[in-house]
Protein backbone atom coordinates (compact mmCIF):
# COMPACT_ATOMS: atom_id res chain seq x y z
CA MET A 1 -3.90 12.61 -14.11
CA THR A 2 -2.71 16.09 -14.87
CA PRO A 3 0.71 15.75 -16.50
CA ALA A 4 3.62 17.48 -14.87
CA SER A 5 5.37 20.27 -16.72
CA ASP A 6 8.49 22.37 -16.37
CA GLY A 7 6.44 25.34 -15.20
CA PRO A 8 4.27 25.87 -12.11
CA TYR A 9 1.71 23.21 -11.26
CA PRO A 10 -1.45 24.04 -13.22
CA ILE A 11 -3.67 24.31 -10.13
CA GLY A 12 -3.27 26.94 -7.44
CA THR A 13 -0.88 29.79 -6.85
CA PRO A 14 2.80 28.97 -6.20
CA GLY A 15 3.63 29.32 -2.52
CA VAL A 16 -0.03 29.36 -1.42
CA PRO A 17 -1.62 26.21 0.07
CA TRP A 18 -4.75 24.99 -1.64
CA GLY A 19 -8.17 25.85 -0.34
CA ASP A 20 -11.49 24.26 -1.17
CA ASP A 21 -11.63 25.86 -4.63
CA GLU A 22 -8.28 24.40 -5.64
CA ARG A 23 -9.18 20.98 -4.30
CA ARG A 24 -12.41 21.03 -6.29
CA ALA A 25 -10.49 22.15 -9.38
CA TRP A 26 -8.06 19.28 -8.90
CA PHE A 27 -10.91 16.78 -8.45
CA ALA A 28 -12.46 18.01 -11.71
CA THR A 29 -9.30 17.04 -13.62
CA GLN A 30 -9.54 13.38 -12.56
CA SER A 31 -11.19 10.81 -14.81
CA VAL A 32 -11.92 7.12 -14.54
CA GLN A 33 -9.33 5.07 -16.44
CA ARG A 34 -10.09 1.52 -15.33
CA SER A 35 -12.79 -0.46 -13.57
CA TYR A 36 -12.75 -1.33 -9.88
CA ILE A 37 -15.72 -3.63 -10.43
CA GLU A 38 -14.10 -5.56 -13.27
CA GLU A 39 -10.49 -5.64 -12.05
CA VAL A 40 -10.99 -6.02 -8.29
CA LEU A 41 -14.50 -6.96 -7.22
CA ALA A 42 -15.06 -9.57 -9.94
CA PRO A 43 -11.81 -11.45 -9.19
CA LEU A 44 -12.62 -11.34 -5.47
CA ALA A 45 -16.09 -12.75 -6.08
CA ALA A 46 -14.58 -15.55 -8.17
CA LEU A 47 -12.20 -16.72 -5.46
CA ASP A 48 -12.74 -20.25 -4.23
CA GLY A 49 -10.62 -20.50 -1.13
CA PRO A 50 -10.66 -20.45 2.66
CA GLY A 51 -11.86 -16.85 2.92
CA GLU A 52 -15.18 -15.04 2.64
CA LEU A 53 -15.98 -11.57 1.36
CA VAL A 54 -16.70 -9.01 4.07
CA ARG A 55 -18.14 -5.61 3.21
CA TYR A 56 -16.79 -2.99 5.59
CA GLY A 57 -18.17 0.23 4.16
CA ALA A 58 -18.29 2.36 1.03
CA LEU A 59 -16.73 5.61 -0.15
CA PRO A 60 -18.97 8.66 0.21
CA VAL A 61 -17.91 9.98 -3.20
CA ASP A 62 -20.10 7.23 -4.75
CA PRO A 63 -21.20 4.48 -2.33
CA GLU A 64 -22.73 2.28 -5.02
CA ARG A 65 -19.67 2.39 -7.25
CA TYR A 66 -17.12 2.06 -4.44
CA PRO A 67 -18.14 -0.51 -1.83
CA LEU A 68 -15.23 -1.60 0.36
CA PHE A 69 -14.51 -5.31 0.65
CA ALA A 70 -12.01 -7.46 2.48
CA VAL A 71 -11.52 -11.21 2.52
CA GLU A 72 -11.38 -12.88 5.91
CA VAL A 73 -10.68 -16.44 6.91
CA ARG A 74 -14.03 -18.22 6.99
CA SER A 75 -13.28 -20.46 9.98
CA PRO A 76 -10.45 -19.10 12.15
CA THR A 77 -7.96 -21.69 13.32
CA PRO A 78 -7.76 -21.66 17.13
CA ASP A 79 -4.40 -20.46 18.45
CA ALA A 80 -3.17 -19.57 14.94
CA PRO A 81 -1.77 -16.04 14.64
CA TRP A 82 -3.64 -13.29 12.81
CA VAL A 83 -2.15 -11.68 9.71
CA LEU A 84 -3.27 -8.49 7.96
CA ILE A 85 -2.42 -7.85 4.32
CA THR A 86 -3.41 -4.52 2.76
CA GLY A 87 -3.10 -3.23 -0.80
CA GLY A 88 -4.22 -0.24 -2.76
CA VAL A 89 -3.94 2.28 0.06
CA HIS A 90 -2.53 4.30 -2.81
CA GLY A 91 -4.98 3.28 -5.48
CA TYR A 92 -2.65 3.92 -8.41
CA GLU A 93 -0.13 1.32 -7.20
CA THR A 94 -1.46 -1.56 -9.24
CA SER A 95 0.64 -4.48 -8.03
CA GLY A 96 -0.32 -3.75 -4.43
CA VAL A 97 -3.94 -4.41 -5.34
CA GLN A 98 -3.39 -7.28 -7.75
CA GLY A 99 -0.66 -8.73 -5.56
CA ALA A 100 -3.04 -8.88 -2.60
CA ILE A 101 -5.61 -10.67 -4.76
CA GLU A 102 -2.95 -13.14 -5.90
CA VAL A 103 -1.98 -13.72 -2.26
CA LEU A 104 -5.57 -14.85 -1.70
CA ARG A 105 -5.31 -17.20 -4.67
CA SER A 106 -1.89 -18.73 -4.13
CA VAL A 107 -0.74 -18.14 -0.55
CA ALA A 108 -3.89 -18.30 1.55
CA PRO A 109 -4.84 -21.88 0.58
CA ASP A 110 -1.36 -23.12 1.49
CA MET A 111 -1.39 -21.46 4.93
CA VAL A 112 -5.00 -21.89 6.00
CA ASP A 113 -3.99 -24.09 8.95
CA GLU A 114 -1.12 -21.83 10.04
CA VAL A 115 -2.52 -18.30 10.02
CA ASN A 116 -5.82 -16.47 10.21
CA LEU A 117 -5.77 -14.07 7.31
CA LEU A 118 -7.54 -10.77 6.72
CA VAL A 119 -6.83 -9.16 3.35
CA ALA A 120 -8.05 -5.72 2.24
CA PRO A 121 -6.83 -5.68 -1.37
CA CYS A 122 -8.04 -2.26 -2.51
CA VAL A 123 -8.32 0.25 0.31
CA SER A 124 -8.75 3.20 -2.10
CA PRO A 125 -10.99 2.13 -4.99
CA TRP A 126 -11.60 5.67 -6.30
CA GLY A 127 -7.84 6.15 -6.45
CA TYR A 128 -7.57 2.80 -8.24
CA GLU A 129 -9.99 3.88 -10.95
CA VAL A 130 -8.54 7.34 -11.58
CA ILE A 131 -4.96 6.06 -11.03
CA HIS A 132 -4.03 8.52 -8.31
CA ARG A 133 -2.30 8.55 -4.97
CA TRP A 134 -4.86 10.79 -3.27
CA ASN A 135 -8.50 10.39 -2.41
CA PRO A 136 -11.25 12.67 -3.83
CA ASP A 137 -10.43 15.35 -1.23
CA ALA A 138 -6.77 15.52 -2.35
CA LEU A 139 -5.75 13.74 0.87
CA ASP A 140 -3.19 10.96 1.03
CA PRO A 141 -4.84 7.98 2.75
CA ASN A 142 -1.38 6.72 3.69
CA ARG A 143 -0.80 9.76 5.88
CA SER A 144 -4.23 9.51 7.47
CA PHE A 145 -4.24 6.51 9.81
CA VAL A 146 -5.12 8.53 12.88
CA ALA A 147 -8.09 8.78 15.23
CA ASP A 148 -11.01 10.61 13.60
CA SER A 149 -9.24 10.27 10.25
CA PRO A 150 -10.26 12.77 7.56
CA SER A 151 -9.79 9.98 4.99
CA PRO A 152 -12.84 7.70 4.63
CA GLU A 153 -10.56 5.03 3.19
CA ALA A 154 -8.31 4.98 6.27
CA ALA A 155 -11.18 5.35 8.73
CA ALA A 156 -13.08 2.40 7.26
CA LEU A 157 -10.03 0.13 7.33
CA MET A 158 -9.17 1.09 10.90
CA SER A 159 -12.73 0.33 11.97
CA LEU A 160 -12.59 -3.06 10.24
CA VAL A 161 -9.33 -4.00 11.94
CA ALA A 162 -10.34 -2.70 15.36
CA GLY A 163 -13.57 -4.66 15.15
CA ARG A 164 -11.68 -7.94 14.96
CA ASP A 165 -10.29 -7.48 18.50
CA VAL A 166 -7.42 -9.90 17.90
CA GLU A 167 -3.65 -9.77 18.39
CA TRP A 168 -1.92 -9.27 15.06
CA LEU A 169 1.36 -11.02 14.39
CA VAL A 170 2.05 -9.58 10.91
CA HIS A 171 0.88 -6.61 8.88
CA MET A 172 2.28 -6.23 5.36
CA ASP A 173 1.16 -3.21 3.30
CA LEU A 174 1.78 -3.64 -0.44
CA HIS A 175 2.90 -0.57 -2.45
CA GLU A 176 4.77 0.61 -5.55
CA THR A 177 7.11 3.51 -6.24
CA THR A 178 6.53 4.77 -9.79
CA ASP A 179 8.03 7.33 -12.13
CA THR A 180 4.82 9.34 -11.76
CA ASP A 181 5.71 9.89 -8.12
CA GLU A 182 8.31 12.31 -9.41
CA THR A 183 6.55 13.68 -12.49
CA GLU A 184 3.06 14.16 -11.03
CA PHE A 185 2.44 13.33 -7.42
CA ARG A 186 5.31 15.12 -5.70
CA PRO A 187 4.77 18.29 -7.77
CA ALA A 188 1.06 18.08 -6.91
CA LEU A 189 1.87 17.64 -3.23
CA ALA A 190 4.17 20.67 -3.24
CA ALA A 191 1.50 22.75 -4.99
CA ARG A 192 -1.21 21.59 -2.58
CA ASP A 193 0.89 22.49 0.44
CA GLY A 194 2.24 25.76 -0.99
CA VAL A 195 5.90 24.75 -0.89
CA ASP A 196 8.65 24.37 -3.47
CA HIS A 197 9.01 21.04 -5.22
CA GLU A 198 12.45 19.55 -4.69
CA PRO A 199 13.22 17.03 -7.46
CA GLY A 200 14.29 13.57 -6.40
CA THR A 201 15.04 10.19 -7.94
CA ILE A 202 13.03 6.99 -8.12
CA PRO A 203 14.86 3.85 -6.98
CA ASP A 204 15.10 1.09 -9.56
CA GLY A 205 14.05 -2.08 -7.79
CA PHE A 206 12.21 -3.56 -4.83
CA TYR A 207 12.72 -2.32 -1.27
CA THR A 208 10.93 -2.44 2.06
CA VAL A 209 10.09 0.20 4.65
CA GLY A 210 10.35 -1.05 8.21
CA ASP A 211 9.35 0.69 11.42
CA THR A 212 11.93 2.93 13.06
CA GLU A 213 10.48 2.00 16.46
CA ASN A 214 10.27 -1.74 15.69
CA PRO A 215 12.55 -2.43 12.72
CA GLN A 216 12.66 -6.25 12.89
CA PRO A 217 15.75 -6.42 10.64
CA ALA A 218 15.71 -10.21 10.29
CA PHE A 219 12.10 -10.07 9.09
CA GLN A 220 12.93 -7.36 6.54
CA ALA A 221 15.94 -9.36 5.35
CA ALA A 222 13.76 -12.45 4.90
CA VAL A 223 11.33 -10.47 2.74
CA ILE A 224 14.18 -9.11 0.61
CA ALA A 225 15.67 -12.58 0.19
CA GLY A 226 12.33 -13.97 -0.92
CA VAL A 227 11.80 -11.22 -3.46
CA GLU A 228 15.35 -11.37 -4.79
CA ALA A 229 14.51 -14.69 -6.39
CA VAL A 230 11.84 -12.87 -8.43
CA THR A 231 13.22 -9.43 -9.21
CA HIS A 232 16.08 -7.06 -8.45
CA ILE A 233 16.49 -5.11 -5.23
CA ALA A 234 16.91 -1.33 -5.28
CA PRO A 235 20.47 -0.19 -4.61
CA ALA A 236 21.32 2.70 -2.32
CA ASP A 237 22.10 5.99 -4.04
CA ASP A 238 25.41 7.80 -3.73
CA ALA A 239 24.38 9.13 -0.31
CA GLY A 240 23.60 5.61 0.94
CA GLN A 241 19.88 6.31 0.84
CA ILE A 242 16.63 5.30 -0.85
CA ILE A 243 14.08 8.11 -1.35
CA GLY A 244 15.94 10.27 1.14
CA SER A 245 16.20 7.72 3.97
CA ASP A 246 19.29 5.84 5.08
CA VAL A 247 19.56 2.26 3.90
CA THR A 248 19.86 0.13 7.03
CA GLN A 249 20.59 -3.11 5.16
CA HIS A 250 20.28 -4.39 1.62
CA GLY A 251 17.00 -3.00 0.23
CA VAL A 252 15.63 -1.74 3.55
CA ILE A 253 14.87 1.70 4.96
CA ASN A 254 12.87 2.63 8.06
CA TYR A 255 10.17 5.21 8.72
CA PRO A 256 8.41 6.12 11.99
CA LEU A 257 5.26 4.42 10.80
CA ARG A 258 2.88 5.50 13.53
CA ARG A 259 4.12 9.09 13.73
CA LEU A 260 3.65 9.47 9.98
CA ALA A 261 0.16 7.92 10.24
CA LEU A 262 1.05 5.20 7.73
CA CYS A 263 -1.12 2.17 7.16
CA ALA A 264 1.64 -0.25 8.19
CA GLY A 265 1.70 1.39 11.63
CA MET A 266 -2.00 1.03 12.39
CA THR A 267 -1.70 -2.19 14.42
CA ASP A 268 0.57 -3.37 17.20
CA ALA A 269 1.75 -6.29 15.07
CA ARG A 270 5.16 -7.66 15.92
CA PHE A 271 6.19 -7.82 12.25
CA THR A 272 5.33 -4.92 9.96
CA THR A 273 6.58 -3.71 6.61
CA THR A 274 5.64 -1.68 3.57
CA THR A 275 6.70 -3.29 0.31
CA GLU A 276 7.73 -1.14 -2.66
CA VAL A 277 8.22 -2.41 -6.21
CA TYR A 278 9.24 -0.37 -9.26
CA PRO A 279 6.91 -1.12 -12.18
CA ASP A 280 8.64 1.34 -14.53
CA SER A 281 11.96 -0.48 -14.46
CA PRO A 282 13.14 -1.80 -17.85
CA SER A 283 13.71 -5.08 -16.01
CA ALA A 284 10.15 -5.32 -14.67
CA THR A 285 6.74 -6.26 -16.02
CA PRO A 286 3.31 -6.12 -14.37
CA ALA A 287 3.51 -9.86 -13.80
CA ILE A 288 6.94 -9.59 -12.18
CA CYS A 289 5.69 -6.86 -9.85
CA ILE A 290 2.74 -8.98 -8.76
CA ASP A 291 5.02 -11.99 -8.28
CA ALA A 292 7.33 -9.85 -6.15
CA GLN A 293 4.47 -8.86 -3.86
CA VAL A 294 3.43 -12.49 -3.47
CA ALA A 295 7.02 -13.58 -2.82
CA ALA A 296 7.35 -10.85 -0.19
CA VAL A 297 4.24 -12.01 1.64
CA ARG A 298 5.16 -15.67 1.47
CA ALA A 299 8.70 -15.04 2.75
CA GLY A 300 7.55 -12.64 5.44
CA LEU A 301 4.91 -14.99 6.79
CA ARG A 302 7.27 -17.95 6.78
CA HIS A 303 9.88 -15.98 8.76
CA ALA A 304 7.31 -14.74 11.25
CA LEU A 305 5.91 -18.21 11.83
CA ASP A 306 9.32 -19.86 12.12
CA THR A 307 10.50 -17.18 14.53
CA THR A 308 7.53 -17.43 16.85
CA ARG A 309 7.75 -21.22 16.92
CA SER A 310 11.47 -21.39 17.70
């Protein structure tokens, strides 16, 4: 990553949106910092559970290095609801990826008779390796879940999900909010779009992002309650907000998921949420963040199942 500074962003001209030259210059600053094969594909291959690996594409930046894999229930249970878990839409958000893998280890075996699970643990493997929010074209995959998406990561996942032709009950998209959002990624976004960067604050703690059009407040509350046993929940700021959005209940904000082309809005699932943990908190560790993601999924699925059965 290019470190942020007090001066103008080092790529582009202030006030002028990036063109192809600036995007190529930005791409040239990125370097591999960890291994997708070792940290994601190897653990997936080692899983011994009710799912099977499904290859659903590869990234054009390097198809051999970045094949795309999901894990799908091997033998679907008739009449059981379908659940989609996604991680690593923003590749730099580590616990989203590792949390999804841990869900496959510790949640999927316990719920094999209750849900049919599809898990895409690392939607953006290039972003995972270079530890960045964007894809190689300086596009945010999590603003790209639209028809004819310009993001190969989003397009491949949408094709995978559409190909299942099932009714989804739950979709949980696992994310993090990090200090580098403020020091690197938001300044980069402002530079890319030719606008001024307006400094903000990073919430200390876990929170969820529900859907403005389908908020499901009891579902969001169940997720928060499950996570609260693992780690702390982000408080509202002095304006009653988290990252500029009104807090609707303890630890919950809402976005118009589909209008913003977010991953969590890509299905018509009854229950949807985006989880957000804060790995840079002095009260957090990588293990705590992963445990929080797993607790969120377990609590969310239990609420969804109990609600639909009542």
